[in-house]
Amino acid sequence: MTRLRSALVTVAAVALLAGTAAMGTASAEPVATAPVEAMEPGCAKLGAYGPGWADIHNVCGHTISASVEVDGWDPSCIQIGPHGTGRIGLEAGDDPYYAYEC
């Protein structure tokens, strides 16, 4: 029985060391992951814009009121339907930073 016990202990020790070595090798390899994009909170997302206008996309399934942040006074809020796009008027020289829900 002593030889059997010694053999089992030896096999268990070899298996434990082999498993630890395999885990160390696996964790040392680089893992390819997709880049994480930060999601903006809310449903309003700034779309294209140009002199005097900006598009706001509603990415949600319900109607929202939204506007854009600019230097000075922000434009009045507009309603945008579910998954729709609304165009908002800007004053000359205004560049929108982001869209937000009102």
C-alpha atoms as a PDB file:
ATOM      1  CA  MET A   1       0.000   0.000   0.000  1.00  0.00           C
ATOM      2  CA  THR A   2       2.915   2.370   0.653  1.00  0.00           C
ATOM      3  CA  ARG A   3       4.207   1.981  -2.919  1.00  0.00           C
ATOM      4  CA  LEU A   4       0.734   2.643  -4.302  1.00  0.00           C
ATOM      5  CA  ARG A   5       0.370   5.739  -2.134  1.00  0.00           C
ATOM      6  CA  SER A   6       3.813   7.015  -3.210  1.00  0.00           C
ATOM      7  CA  ALA A   7       2.941   6.426  -6.862  1.00  0.00           C
ATOM      8  CA  LEU A   8      -0.372   8.309  -6.513  1.00  0.00           C
ATOM      9  CA  VAL A   9       1.303  11.235  -4.748  1.00  0.00           C
ATOM     10  CA  THR A  10       3.948  11.393  -7.471  1.00  0.00           C
ATOM     11  CA  VAL A  11       1.312  11.316 -10.238  1.00  0.00           C
ATOM     12  CA  ALA A  12      -0.736  14.004  -8.483  1.00  0.00           C
ATOM     13  CA  ALA A  13       2.333  16.221  -8.028  1.00  0.00           C
ATOM     14  CA  VAL A  14       3.309  15.854 -11.708  1.00  0.00           C
ATOM     15  CA  ALA A  15      -0.249  16.645 -12.810  1.00  0.00           C
ATOM     16  CA  LEU A  16      -0.388  19.687 -10.542  1.00  0.00           C
ATOM     17  CA  LEU A  17       2.926  21.025 -11.827  1.00  0.00           C
ATOM     18  CA  ALA A  18       1.958  20.380 -15.451  1.00  0.00           C
ATOM     19  CA  GLY A  19      -1.358  22.210 -14.972  1.00  0.00           C
ATOM     20  CA  THR A  20       0.357  25.187 -13.313  1.00  0.00           C
ATOM     21  CA  ALA A  21       2.907  25.411 -16.122  1.00  0.00           C
ATOM     22  CA  ALA A  22       0.166  25.274 -18.761  1.00  0.00           C
ATOM     23  CA  MET A  23      -1.784  28.041 -17.045  1.00  0.00           C
ATOM     24  CA  GLY A  24       1.342  30.192 -16.806  1.00  0.00           C
ATOM     25  CA  THR A  25       2.008  29.725 -20.524  1.00  0.00           C
ATOM     26  CA  ALA A  26      -1.572  30.513 -21.476  1.00  0.00           C
ATOM     27  CA  SER A  27      -1.689  33.699 -19.438  1.00  0.00           C
ATOM     28  CA  ALA A  28       1.647  34.907 -20.839  1.00  0.00           C
ATOM     29  CA  GLU A  29       0.387  34.880 -24.430  1.00  0.00           C
ATOM     30  CA  PRO A  30      -1.101  38.155 -25.708  1.00  0.00           C
ATOM     31  CA  VAL A  31      -4.846  38.180 -26.037  1.00  0.00           C
ATOM     32  CA  ALA A  32      -6.339  39.841 -29.114  1.00  0.00           C
ATOM     33  CA  THR A  33      -9.362  41.932 -28.174  1.00  0.00           C
ATOM     34  CA  ALA A  34     -11.499  44.390 -30.051  1.00  0.00           C
ATOM     35  CA  PRO A  35     -10.956  48.030 -29.104  1.00  0.00           C
ATOM     36  CA  VAL A  36     -13.449  49.268 -26.541  1.00  0.00           C
ATOM     37  CA  GLU A  37     -15.416  52.311 -27.614  1.00  0.00           C
ATOM     38  CA  ALA A  38     -16.841  54.504 -24.915  1.00  0.00           C
ATOM     39  CA  MET A  39     -20.563  54.872 -25.291  1.00  0.00           C
ATOM     40  CA  GLU A  40     -21.998  58.343 -24.867  1.00  0.00           C
ATOM     41  CA  PRO A  41     -24.879  58.439 -22.410  1.00  0.00           C
ATOM     42  CA  GLY A  42     -28.357  59.188 -23.675  1.00  0.00           C
ATOM     43  CA  CYS A  43     -30.064  58.811 -27.018  1.00  0.00           C
ATOM     44  CA  ALA A  44     -28.863  62.011 -28.750  1.00  0.00           C
ATOM     45  CA  LYS A  45     -25.709  61.689 -30.861  1.00  0.00           C
ATOM     46  CA  LEU A  46     -24.087  64.482 -32.859  1.00  0.00           C
ATOM     47  CA  GLY A  47     -24.028  63.743 -36.562  1.00  0.00           C
ATOM     48  CA  ALA A  48     -22.706  65.798 -39.446  1.00  0.00           C
ATOM     49  CA  TYR A  49     -22.618  69.589 -39.163  1.00  0.00           C
ATOM     50  CA  GLY A  50     -21.667  72.618 -41.183  1.00  0.00           C
ATOM     51  CA  PRO A  51     -22.009  76.391 -41.177  1.00  0.00           C
ATOM     52  CA  GLY A  52     -25.410  77.154 -39.627  1.00  0.00           C
ATOM     53  CA  TRP A  53     -26.633  73.575 -39.034  1.00  0.00           C
ATOM     54  CA  ALA A  54     -26.053  70.299 -37.185  1.00  0.00           C
ATOM     55  CA  ASP A  55     -27.680  66.869 -37.400  1.00  0.00           C
ATOM     56  CA  ILE A  56     -28.697  65.035 -34.234  1.00  0.00           C
ATOM     57  CA  HIS A  57     -29.342  61.286 -34.400  1.00  0.00           C
ATOM     58  CA  ASN A  58     -31.788  59.606 -32.010  1.00  0.00           C
ATOM     59  CA  VAL A  59     -30.388  56.104 -31.425  1.00  0.00           C
ATOM     60  CA  CYS A  60     -33.289  55.045 -29.177  1.00  0.00           C
ATOM     61  CA  GLY A  61     -36.723  53.632 -29.917  1.00  0.00           C
ATOM     62  CA  HIS A  62     -38.708  56.559 -28.490  1.00  0.00           C
ATOM     63  CA  THR A  63     -39.129  60.261 -29.276  1.00  0.00           C
ATOM     64  CA  ILE A  64     -36.661  62.636 -27.616  1.00  0.00           C
ATOM     65  CA  SER A  65     -36.031  66.364 -27.327  1.00  0.00           C
ATOM     66  CA  ALA A  66     -32.420  67.283 -28.046  1.00  0.00           C
ATOM     67  CA  SER A  67     -29.990  70.107 -28.739  1.00  0.00           C
ATOM     68  CA  VAL A  68     -26.257  70.608 -29.202  1.00  0.00           C
ATOM     69  CA  GLU A  69     -23.621  72.214 -26.982  1.00  0.00           C
ATOM     70  CA  VAL A  70     -21.934  75.266 -28.505  1.00  0.00           C
ATOM     71  CA  ASP A  71     -19.995  78.233 -27.119  1.00  0.00           C
ATOM     72  CA  GLY A  72     -22.487  80.797 -25.898  1.00  0.00           C
ATOM     73  CA  TRP A  73     -26.233  80.100 -25.971  1.00  0.00           C
ATOM     74  CA  ASP A  74     -27.252  76.584 -26.999  1.00  0.00           C
ATOM     75  CA  PRO A  75     -29.943  76.332 -29.704  1.00  0.00           C
ATOM     76  CA  SER A  76     -33.502  75.508 -28.663  1.00  0.00           C
ATOM     77  CA  CYS A  77     -34.394  71.832 -28.304  1.00  0.00           C
ATOM     78  CA  ILE A  78     -36.023  69.955 -31.172  1.00  0.00           C
ATOM     79  CA  GLN A  79     -38.076  66.754 -31.126  1.00  0.00           C
ATOM     80  CA  ILE A  80     -36.659  63.739 -32.954  1.00  0.00           C
ATOM     81  CA  GLY A  81     -38.648  60.555 -33.565  1.00  0.00           C
ATOM     82  CA  PRO A  82     -37.452  57.035 -32.789  1.00  0.00           C
ATOM     83  CA  HIS A  83     -34.210  56.182 -34.652  1.00  0.00           C
ATOM     84  CA  GLY A  84     -34.589  59.424 -36.604  1.00  0.00           C
ATOM     85  CA  THR A  85     -32.398  62.394 -37.425  1.00  0.00           C
ATOM     86  CA  GLY A  86     -33.215  66.046 -36.831  1.00  0.00           C
ATOM     87  CA  ARG A  87     -31.442  69.118 -38.173  1.00  0.00           C
ATOM     88  CA  ILE A  88     -30.940  72.041 -35.823  1.00  0.00           C
ATOM     89  CA  GLY A  89     -30.024  75.600 -36.787  1.00  0.00           C
ATOM     90  CA  LEU A  90     -26.843  77.206 -35.471  1.00  0.00           C
ATOM     91  CA  GLU A  91     -25.655  80.805 -35.385  1.00  0.00           C
ATOM     92  CA  ALA A  92     -22.759  81.892 -37.578  1.00  0.00           C
ATOM     93  CA  GLY A  93     -19.438  80.649 -36.202  1.00  0.00           C
ATOM     94  CA  ASP A  94     -20.976  78.051 -33.860  1.00  0.00           C
ATOM     95  CA  ASP A  95     -19.346  74.614 -33.891  1.00  0.00           C
ATOM     96  CA  PRO A  96     -21.217  71.938 -31.904  1.00  0.00           C
ATOM     97  CA  TYR A  97     -19.268  69.864 -29.367  1.00  0.00           C
ATOM     98  CA  TYR A  98     -21.851  67.161 -28.658  1.00  0.00           C
ATOM     99  CA  ALA A  99     -25.607  66.495 -28.666  1.00  0.00           C
ATOM    100  CA  TYR A 100     -27.675  66.058 -25.526  1.00  0.00           C
ATOM    101  CA  GLU A 101     -31.245  65.384 -24.484  1.00  0.00           C
ATOM    102  CA  CYS A 102     -33.242  68.311 -23.121  1.00  0.00           C
END
